[in-house]
Amino acid sequence: MVVALGVEYLGSAYSGWQRQSHSSSVQACVEQALSVIANQAVSVFCSGRTDSGVHGLGQVISFTTDVKRPAKAWVLGGNAHLPDDICILWAQAMPEDFHARFSAVSRRYRYVILNRPIRPAVLSGQVTWVKEPLDEAAMNRATACLIGEQNFTSFQASSCQSPTPMRNVLSAQVFRHGDYVVFEVTANAFLHHMVRNLAGSLIEIGRGNQPEEWLDWLLTQQDRKLAAATASPDGLYFMQANYPERFQVPAARSDIWFLN
């Protein structure tokens, strides 16, 4: 049978989602916990791999097992064997053709910036701090050029292993709530560092160091060296993966306003 789980995690202490041989990863922690509940080795697939320091609110994972457990056992039992910065939110049996990665039709990220003169304390490691005033309206207008299927080479990490730089961005916006500026983007898939590279260039526009049209120009140049530096992973959240309605995958939820 195929089982799907919703996973939330604070990525600060991990090398990223993907299992690593010499460092701690979210995937390794989750697989270890589930293997205890299943009494056998469990290997999972995720909806979207996150880098070191990046957080997950609505990560969806799936695995195949011949072990039958109630959903409550996967959730409560799994959480009992997970560290405090990782938790399983829900579990449910899925159709045999469900796959956390390949069944997803889009993914949504949020990049959260604390925009004030004083650095964060309580949210240190969970938001990116920019002390200079940001023009969020200019940043938002700049995102209009991102919509549609385009070549995102200018925002692709050199280490990216994707066979194509083409991605289809479905929506993008920047908005402010008090001292927080949030960049939200949804696409069919993302290149390695794509969201953080976009955020870095949007921050330069927000600071007034570049015009609004710069983002569009960067897209046409298809040259990573021309764009801004990669923004910190601290403020990046994998919000959710979207699936066809027939799979009935629960939507991600949060009581934190900038993660709603």
C-alpha atoms as a PDB file:
ATOM      1  CA  MET A   1       0.000   0.000   0.000  1.00  0.00           C
ATOM      2  CA  VAL A   2       1.008   3.625  -0.514  1.00  0.00           C
ATOM      3  CA  VAL A   3       0.997   5.932   2.495  1.00  0.00           C
ATOM      4  CA  ALA A   4       1.274   9.718   2.329  1.00  0.00           C
ATOM      5  CA  LEU A   5       2.298  11.971   5.213  1.00  0.00           C
ATOM      6  CA  GLY A   6       2.379  15.711   5.755  1.00  0.00           C
ATOM      7  CA  VAL A   7       5.607  16.884   7.399  1.00  0.00           C
ATOM      8  CA  GLU A   8       6.567  20.186   9.020  1.00  0.00           C
ATOM      9  CA  TYR A   9      10.135  21.067   9.952  1.00  0.00           C
ATOM     10  CA  LEU A  10      12.498  23.830  10.971  1.00  0.00           C
ATOM     11  CA  GLY A  11      15.477  23.352   8.689  1.00  0.00           C
ATOM     12  CA  SER A  12      18.101  25.356  10.595  1.00  0.00           C
ATOM     13  CA  ALA A  13      19.894  22.342  12.074  1.00  0.00           C
ATOM     14  CA  TYR A  14      19.864  20.178   8.942  1.00  0.00           C
ATOM     15  CA  SER A  15      21.845  19.838   5.730  1.00  0.00           C
ATOM     16  CA  GLY A  16      18.548  19.915   3.864  1.00  0.00           C
ATOM     17  CA  TRP A  17      15.775  17.451   3.137  1.00  0.00           C
ATOM     18  CA  GLN A  18      17.795  14.872   1.200  1.00  0.00           C
ATOM     19  CA  ARG A  19      19.614  12.093   3.010  1.00  0.00           C
ATOM     20  CA  GLN A  20      23.366  12.751   3.328  1.00  0.00           C
ATOM     21  CA  SER A  21      26.101  10.297   4.249  1.00  0.00           C
ATOM     22  CA  HIS A  22      28.016  12.588   6.604  1.00  0.00           C
ATOM     23  CA  SER A  23      25.472  15.110   7.900  1.00  0.00           C
ATOM     24  CA  SER A  24      22.027  15.226   9.474  1.00  0.00           C
ATOM     25  CA  SER A  25      19.061  15.518   7.107  1.00  0.00           C
ATOM     26  CA  VAL A  26      15.305  15.766   7.552  1.00  0.00           C
ATOM     27  CA  GLN A  27      14.748  12.734   5.332  1.00  0.00           C
ATOM     28  CA  ALA A  28      17.032  10.529   7.435  1.00  0.00           C
ATOM     29  CA  CYS A  29      15.249  11.530  10.648  1.00  0.00           C
ATOM     30  CA  VAL A  30      11.813  10.843   9.161  1.00  0.00           C
ATOM     31  CA  GLU A  31      12.827   7.493   7.672  1.00  0.00           C
ATOM     32  CA  GLN A  32      14.379   6.382  10.935  1.00  0.00           C
ATOM     33  CA  ALA A  33      11.220   7.239  12.876  1.00  0.00           C
ATOM     34  CA  LEU A  34       8.891   5.548  10.391  1.00  0.00           C
ATOM     35  CA  SER A  35      11.089   2.452  10.268  1.00  0.00           C
ATOM     36  CA  VAL A  36      10.570   2.011  14.004  1.00  0.00           C
ATOM     37  CA  ILE A  37       6.785   2.146  13.578  1.00  0.00           C
ATOM     38  CA  ALA A  38       6.839  -0.195  10.570  1.00  0.00           C
ATOM     39  CA  ASN A  39       9.344  -2.604  12.133  1.00  0.00           C
ATOM     40  CA  GLN A  40      11.148  -2.565   8.794  1.00  0.00           C
ATOM     41  CA  ALA A  41      13.190  -0.141   6.720  1.00  0.00           C
ATOM     42  CA  VAL A  42      11.138   2.672   5.189  1.00  0.00           C
ATOM     43  CA  SER A  43      12.344   4.803   2.267  1.00  0.00           C
ATOM     44  CA  VAL A  44      10.333   7.918   1.424  1.00  0.00           C
ATOM     45  CA  PHE A  45       9.883  10.277  -1.525  1.00  0.00           C
ATOM     46  CA  CYS A  46       9.155  13.982  -1.022  1.00  0.00           C
ATOM     47  CA  SER A  47       7.198  16.562  -2.997  1.00  0.00           C
ATOM     48  CA  GLY A  48      10.065  19.066  -3.045  1.00  0.00           C
ATOM     49  CA  ARG A  49      13.636  18.817  -1.777  1.00  0.00           C
ATOM     50  CA  THR A  50      14.768  21.754   0.355  1.00  0.00           C
ATOM     51  CA  ASP A  51      18.324  22.986   0.892  1.00  0.00           C
ATOM     52  CA  SER A  52      20.291  23.383   4.097  1.00  0.00           C
ATOM     53  CA  GLY A  53      18.582  25.820   6.468  1.00  0.00           C
ATOM     54  CA  VAL A  54      15.309  25.933   4.499  1.00  0.00           C
ATOM     55  CA  HIS A  55      12.082  25.187   6.361  1.00  0.00           C
ATOM     56  CA  GLY A  56       9.050  23.092   5.416  1.00  0.00           C
ATOM     57  CA  LEU A  57       5.449  23.762   6.361  1.00  0.00           C
ATOM     58  CA  GLY A  58       3.560  21.467   4.022  1.00  0.00           C
ATOM     59  CA  GLN A  59       6.078  18.922   2.798  1.00  0.00           C
ATOM     60  CA  VAL A  60       4.311  15.829   1.455  1.00  0.00           C
ATOM     61  CA  ILE A  61       6.047  12.464   1.468  1.00  0.00           C
ATOM     62  CA  SER A  62       5.015   9.011   0.331  1.00  0.00           C
ATOM     63  CA  PHE A  63       6.267   5.476   0.725  1.00  0.00           C
ATOM     64  CA  THR A  64       5.200   1.956  -0.154  1.00  0.00           C
ATOM     65  CA  THR A  65       4.802  -0.669   2.547  1.00  0.00           C
ATOM     66  CA  ASP A  66       3.069  -3.975   3.166  1.00  0.00           C
ATOM     67  CA  VAL A  67       2.694  -3.058   6.841  1.00  0.00           C
ATOM     68  CA  LYS A  68      -0.785  -1.984   7.913  1.00  0.00           C
ATOM     69  CA  ARG A  69      -0.954   0.719  10.570  1.00  0.00           C
ATOM     70  CA  PRO A  70      -3.750   3.157  11.417  1.00  0.00           C
ATOM     71  CA  ALA A  71      -3.066   6.769  10.445  1.00  0.00           C
ATOM     72  CA  LYS A  72      -2.808   7.662  14.124  1.00  0.00           C
ATOM     73  CA  ALA A  73       0.120   5.258  14.547  1.00  0.00           C
ATOM     74  CA  TRP A  74       2.134   6.866  11.760  1.00  0.00           C
ATOM     75  CA  VAL A  75       1.481  10.346  13.164  1.00  0.00           C
ATOM     76  CA  LEU A  76       1.759   9.897  16.929  1.00  0.00           C
ATOM     77  CA  GLY A  77       4.218   7.021  16.799  1.00  0.00           C
ATOM     78  CA  GLY A  78       6.389   8.756  14.246  1.00  0.00           C
ATOM     79  CA  ASN A  79       6.424  12.003  16.215  1.00  0.00           C
ATOM     80  CA  ALA A  80       7.479  10.147  19.348  1.00  0.00           C
ATOM     81  CA  HIS A  81      10.694   9.217  17.539  1.00  0.00           C
ATOM     82  CA  LEU A  82      11.348  12.577  15.867  1.00  0.00           C
ATOM     83  CA  PRO A  83      13.304  15.575  17.209  1.00  0.00           C
ATOM     84  CA  ASP A  84      11.358  18.648  18.310  1.00  0.00           C
ATOM     85  CA  ASP A  85      12.035  20.535  15.068  1.00  0.00           C
ATOM     86  CA  ILE A  86      10.351  17.905  12.847  1.00  0.00           C
ATOM     87  CA  CYS A  87       6.780  16.639  13.101  1.00  0.00           C
ATOM     88  CA  ILE A  88       4.288  14.565  11.122  1.00  0.00           C
ATOM     89  CA  LEU A  89       1.005  16.450  10.675  1.00  0.00           C
ATOM     90  CA  TRP A  90      -1.217  13.850   9.044  1.00  0.00           C
ATOM     91  CA  ALA A  91      -1.160  10.427   7.398  1.00  0.00           C
ATOM     92  CA  GLN A  92      -3.480   8.674   4.989  1.00  0.00           C
ATOM     93  CA  ALA A  93      -3.580   5.685   2.678  1.00  0.00           C
ATOM     94  CA  MET A  94      -3.385   6.669  -0.978  1.00  0.00           C
ATOM     95  CA  PRO A  95      -4.209   5.123  -4.367  1.00  0.00           C
ATOM     96  CA  GLU A  96      -1.468   2.888  -5.703  1.00  0.00           C
ATOM     97  CA  ASP A  97      -0.544   5.405  -8.399  1.00  0.00           C
ATOM     98  CA  PHE A  98       0.177   8.235  -5.943  1.00  0.00           C
ATOM     99  CA  HIS A  99       3.743   9.536  -5.710  1.00  0.00           C
ATOM    100  CA  ALA A 100       4.656  12.557  -3.579  1.00  0.00           C
ATOM    101  CA  ARG A 101       6.939  14.001  -6.246  1.00  0.00           C
ATOM    102  CA  PHE A 102       5.577  12.865  -9.588  1.00  0.00           C
ATOM    103  CA  SER A 103       1.876  13.305  -8.767  1.00  0.00           C
ATOM    104  CA  ALA A 104       2.344  16.950  -7.721  1.00  0.00           C
ATOM    105  CA  VAL A 105       1.253  19.529 -10.295  1.00  0.00           C
ATOM    106  CA  SER A 106       2.790  22.576  -8.581  1.00  0.00           C
ATOM    107  CA  ARG A 107       4.717  23.761  -5.518  1.00  0.00           C
ATOM    108  CA  ARG A 108       4.439  26.964  -3.507  1.00  0.00           C
ATOM    109  CA  TYR A 109       7.179  28.773  -1.576  1.00  0.00           C
ATOM    110  CA  ARG A 110       7.254  31.834   0.649  1.00  0.00           C
ATOM    111  CA  TYR A 111      10.334  33.926   1.356  1.00  0.00           C
ATOM    112  CA  VAL A 112       9.927  35.965   4.550  1.00  0.00           C
ATOM    113  CA  ILE A 113      11.966  39.121   5.187  1.00  0.00           C
ATOM    114  CA  LEU A 114      12.062  41.034   8.464  1.00  0.00           C
ATOM    115  CA  ASN A 115      12.489  44.616   7.273  1.00  0.00           C
ATOM    116  CA  ARG A 116      13.509  46.803  10.201  1.00  0.00           C
ATOM    117  CA  PRO A 117      16.711  48.414  11.517  1.00  0.00           C
ATOM    118  CA  ILE A 118      17.092  45.903  14.377  1.00  0.00           C
ATOM    119  CA  ARG A 119      18.011  42.251  13.821  1.00  0.00           C
ATOM    120  CA  PRO A 120      15.587  39.495  14.925  1.00  0.00           C
ATOM    121  CA  ALA A 121      15.951  37.603  18.180  1.00  0.00           C
ATOM    122  CA  VAL A 122      12.910  35.344  18.621  1.00  0.00           C
ATOM    123  CA  LEU A 123      12.730  34.596  14.885  1.00  0.00           C
ATOM    124  CA  SER A 124      16.475  34.361  14.329  1.00  0.00           C
ATOM    125  CA  GLY A 125      17.098  31.704  11.682  1.00  0.00           C
ATOM    126  CA  GLN A 126      13.438  31.739  10.636  1.00  0.00           C
ATOM    127  CA  VAL A 127      13.339  35.005   8.676  1.00  0.00           C
ATOM    128  CA  THR A 128      15.845  36.918   6.571  1.00  0.00           C
ATOM    129  CA  TRP A 129      16.797  40.297   8.013  1.00  0.00           C
ATOM    130  CA  VAL A 130      17.128  43.316   5.730  1.00  0.00           C
ATOM    131  CA  LYS A 131      17.733  46.534   7.669  1.00  0.00           C
ATOM    132  CA  GLU A 132      17.398  48.983   4.764  1.00  0.00           C
ATOM    133  CA  PRO A 133      13.814  50.092   3.934  1.00  0.00           C
ATOM    134  CA  LEU A 134      12.305  48.009   1.141  1.00  0.00           C
ATOM    135  CA  ASP A 135       9.829  49.253  -1.457  1.00  0.00           C
ATOM    136  CA  GLU A 136       7.523  46.246  -1.513  1.00  0.00           C
ATOM    137  CA  ALA A 137       5.275  47.830  -4.165  1.00  0.00           C
ATOM    138  CA  ALA A 138       8.191  48.037  -6.607  1.00  0.00           C
ATOM    139  CA  MET A 139       9.179  44.466  -5.756  1.00  0.00           C
ATOM    140  CA  ASN A 140       5.630  43.284  -6.393  1.00  0.00           C
ATOM    141  CA  ARG A 141       5.410  45.039  -9.750  1.00  0.00           C
ATOM    142  CA  ALA A 142       8.711  43.449 -10.755  1.00  0.00           C
ATOM    143  CA  THR A 143       7.311  39.934 -10.243  1.00  0.00           C
ATOM    144  CA  ALA A 144       4.840  40.354 -13.123  1.00  0.00           C
ATOM    145  CA  CYS A 145       7.535  39.315 -15.606  1.00  0.00           C
ATOM    146  CA  LEU A 146       7.933  35.925 -13.931  1.00  0.00           C
ATOM    147  CA  ILE A 147       4.534  34.554 -14.923  1.00  0.00           C
ATOM    148  CA  GLY A 148       4.438  31.851 -17.582  1.00  0.00           C
ATOM    149  CA  GLU A 149       6.816  29.215 -18.927  1.00  0.00           C
ATOM    150  CA  GLN A 150      10.252  30.758 -19.317  1.00  0.00           C
ATOM    151  CA  ASN A 151      13.975  30.111 -19.206  1.00  0.00           C
ATOM    152  CA  PHE A 152      15.203  30.778 -15.648  1.00  0.00           C
ATOM    153  CA  THR A 153      18.929  30.285 -16.275  1.00  0.00           C
ATOM    154  CA  SER A 154      19.680  33.645 -14.609  1.00  0.00           C
ATOM    155  CA  PHE A 155      18.269  32.259 -11.362  1.00  0.00           C
ATOM    156  CA  GLN A 156      19.635  28.709 -11.565  1.00  0.00           C
ATOM    157  CA  ALA A 157      22.438  27.513  -9.286  1.00  0.00           C
ATOM    158  CA  SER A 158      25.563  26.282 -11.052  1.00  0.00           C
ATOM    159  CA  SER A 159      25.143  22.987  -9.181  1.00  0.00           C
ATOM    160  CA  CYS A 160      21.598  22.462 -10.511  1.00  0.00           C
ATOM    161  CA  GLN A 161      21.206  19.071 -12.193  1.00  0.00           C
ATOM    162  CA  SER A 162      17.949  19.806 -14.012  1.00  0.00           C
ATOM    163  CA  PRO A 163      18.126  18.897 -17.722  1.00  0.00           C
ATOM    164  CA  THR A 164      16.248  22.086 -18.617  1.00  0.00           C
ATOM    165  CA  PRO A 165      16.060  25.627 -17.172  1.00  0.00           C
ATOM    166  CA  MET A 166      12.445  25.996 -18.326  1.00  0.00           C
ATOM    167  CA  ARG A 167       9.894  26.434 -15.544  1.00  0.00           C
ATOM    168  CA  ASN A 168       6.251  27.514 -15.540  1.00  0.00           C
ATOM    169  CA  VAL A 169       5.518  30.116 -12.855  1.00  0.00           C
ATOM    170  CA  LEU A 170       1.796  30.185 -12.094  1.00  0.00           C
ATOM    171  CA  SER A 171       1.719  33.091  -9.643  1.00  0.00           C
ATOM    172  CA  ALA A 172       4.116  35.479  -7.921  1.00  0.00           C
ATOM    173  CA  GLN A 173       3.628  38.403  -5.565  1.00  0.00           C
ATOM    174  CA  VAL A 174       5.308  40.497  -2.883  1.00  0.00           C
ATOM    175  CA  PHE A 175       3.355  42.025  -0.010  1.00  0.00           C
ATOM    176  CA  ARG A 176       4.029  43.701   3.333  1.00  0.00           C
ATOM    177  CA  HIS A 177       2.527  43.129   6.773  1.00  0.00           C
ATOM    178  CA  GLY A 178       4.064  45.545   9.257  1.00  0.00           C
ATOM    179  CA  ASP A 179       7.809  44.910   9.372  1.00  0.00           C
ATOM    180  CA  TYR A 180       7.537  41.747   7.278  1.00  0.00           C
ATOM    181  CA  VAL A 181       7.890  41.624   3.502  1.00  0.00           C
ATOM    182  CA  VAL A 182       6.850  38.328   1.904  1.00  0.00           C
ATOM    183  CA  PHE A 183       7.655  36.989  -1.560  1.00  0.00           C
ATOM    184  CA  GLU A 184       5.344  34.147  -2.596  1.00  0.00           C
ATOM    185  CA  VAL A 185       5.739  32.128  -5.774  1.00  0.00           C
ATOM    186  CA  THR A 186       4.019  29.051  -7.213  1.00  0.00           C
ATOM    187  CA  ALA A 187       5.371  27.038 -10.142  1.00  0.00           C
ATOM    188  CA  ASN A 188       5.157  23.592 -11.649  1.00  0.00           C
ATOM    189  CA  ALA A 189       8.675  22.989 -10.298  1.00  0.00           C
ATOM    190  CA  PHE A 190      11.743  24.964  -9.251  1.00  0.00           C
ATOM    191  CA  LEU A 191      15.409  24.970 -10.175  1.00  0.00           C
ATOM    192  CA  HIS A 192      18.069  24.618  -7.480  1.00  0.00           C
ATOM    193  CA  HIS A 193      18.267  27.937  -5.552  1.00  0.00           C
ATOM    194  CA  MET A 194      15.696  29.489  -7.906  1.00  0.00           C
ATOM    195  CA  VAL A 195      13.510  31.058  -5.204  1.00  0.00           C
ATOM    196  CA  ARG A 196      16.477  32.354  -3.190  1.00  0.00           C
ATOM    197  CA  ASN A 197      18.088  33.783  -6.322  1.00  0.00           C
ATOM    198  CA  LEU A 198      14.856  35.528  -7.265  1.00  0.00           C
ATOM    199  CA  ALA A 199      14.537  36.834  -3.705  1.00  0.00           C
ATOM    200  CA  GLY A 200      18.081  38.198  -3.795  1.00  0.00           C
ATOM    201  CA  SER A 201      17.367  40.198  -6.947  1.00  0.00           C
ATOM    202  CA  LEU A 202      13.991  41.395  -5.655  1.00  0.00           C
ATOM    203  CA  ILE A 203      15.690  42.672  -2.500  1.00  0.00           C
ATOM    204  CA  GLU A 204      18.040  44.755  -4.649  1.00  0.00           C
ATOM    205  CA  ILE A 205      15.015  46.238  -6.415  1.00  0.00           C
ATOM    206  CA  GLY A 206      13.350  46.885  -3.057  1.00  0.00           C
ATOM    207  CA  ARG A 207      16.445  48.696  -1.793  1.00  0.00           C
ATOM    208  CA  GLY A 208      16.340  50.946  -4.846  1.00  0.00           C
ATOM    209  CA  ASN A 209      19.666  49.662  -6.158  1.00  0.00           C
ATOM    210  CA  GLN A 210      18.029  48.395  -9.350  1.00  0.00           C
ATOM    211  CA  PRO A 211      14.917  49.452 -11.317  1.00  0.00           C
ATOM    212  CA  GLU A 212      11.758  47.341 -11.445  1.00  0.00           C
ATOM    213  CA  GLU A 213      12.549  46.351 -15.041  1.00  0.00           C
ATOM    214  CA  TRP A 214      15.819  44.716 -13.969  1.00  0.00           C
ATOM    215  CA  LEU A 215      14.190  41.378 -13.160  1.00  0.00           C
ATOM    216  CA  ASP A 216      12.717  41.144 -16.651  1.00  0.00           C
ATOM    217  CA  TRP A 217      16.080  42.077 -18.165  1.00  0.00           C
ATOM    218  CA  LEU A 218      17.826  39.383 -16.120  1.00  0.00           C
ATOM    219  CA  LEU A 219      15.414  36.781 -17.480  1.00  0.00           C
ATOM    220  CA  THR A 220      16.277  37.712 -21.053  1.00  0.00           C
ATOM    221  CA  GLN A 221      20.050  37.624 -20.438  1.00  0.00           C
ATOM    222  CA  GLN A 222      20.078  34.000 -19.218  1.00  0.00           C
ATOM    223  CA  ASP A 223      23.259  34.623 -17.234  1.00  0.00           C
ATOM    224  CA  ARG A 224      23.413  33.822 -13.517  1.00  0.00           C
ATOM    225  CA  LYS A 225      26.433  36.090 -12.986  1.00  0.00           C
ATOM    226  CA  LEU A 226      24.357  39.191 -13.766  1.00  0.00           C
ATOM    227  CA  ALA A 227      21.757  38.632 -11.034  1.00  0.00           C
ATOM    228  CA  ALA A 228      22.100  39.410  -7.340  1.00  0.00           C
ATOM    229  CA  ALA A 229      23.685  37.120  -4.771  1.00  0.00           C
ATOM    230  CA  THR A 230      21.678  34.158  -3.497  1.00  0.00           C
ATOM    231  CA  ALA A 231      19.523  35.221  -0.553  1.00  0.00           C
ATOM    232  CA  SER A 232      19.887  33.522   2.837  1.00  0.00           C
ATOM    233  CA  PRO A 233      18.009  30.238   3.380  1.00  0.00           C
ATOM    234  CA  ASP A 234      16.675  31.476   6.732  1.00  0.00           C
ATOM    235  CA  GLY A 235      13.517  33.068   5.341  1.00  0.00           C
ATOM    236  CA  LEU A 236      12.554  30.363   2.847  1.00  0.00           C
ATOM    237  CA  TYR A 237       9.582  28.078   3.491  1.00  0.00           C
ATOM    238  CA  PHE A 238       8.289  25.223   1.356  1.00  0.00           C
ATOM    239  CA  MET A 239       4.602  25.939   1.831  1.00  0.00           C
ATOM    240  CA  GLN A 240       2.841  23.130   0.013  1.00  0.00           C
ATOM    241  CA  ALA A 241       2.604  20.881  -2.999  1.00  0.00           C
ATOM    242  CA  ASN A 242      -0.615  20.832  -5.008  1.00  0.00           C
ATOM    243  CA  TYR A 243      -2.128  17.621  -6.362  1.00  0.00           C
ATOM    244  CA  PRO A 244      -5.093  16.579  -8.500  1.00  0.00           C
ATOM    245  CA  GLU A 245      -8.312  16.710  -6.482  1.00  0.00           C
ATOM    246  CA  ARG A 246      -8.831  12.947  -6.652  1.00  0.00           C
ATOM    247  CA  PHE A 247      -5.930  12.368  -4.250  1.00  0.00           C
ATOM    248  CA  GLN A 248      -7.571  14.483  -1.498  1.00  0.00           C
ATOM    249  CA  VAL A 249      -4.238  15.666  -0.072  1.00  0.00           C
ATOM    250  CA  PRO A 250      -4.829  17.923   2.968  1.00  0.00           C
ATOM    251  CA  ALA A 251      -3.898  21.588   2.517  1.00  0.00           C
ATOM    252  CA  ALA A 252      -1.084  23.025   4.621  1.00  0.00           C
ATOM    253  CA  ARG A 253      -2.204  25.071   7.625  1.00  0.00           C
ATOM    254  CA  SER A 254      -0.412  27.418  10.024  1.00  0.00           C
ATOM    255  CA  ASP A 255      -1.307  29.750  12.878  1.00  0.00           C
ATOM    256  CA  ILE A 256       1.620  32.019  11.971  1.00  0.00           C
ATOM    257  CA  TRP A 257       0.230  34.805   9.781  1.00  0.00           C
ATOM    258  CA  PHE A 258       3.116  34.876   7.306  1.00  0.00           C
ATOM    259  CA  LEU A 259       2.736  31.130   6.815  1.00  0.00           C
ATOM    260  CA  ASN A 260      -1.025  31.067   6.185  1.00  0.00           C
END
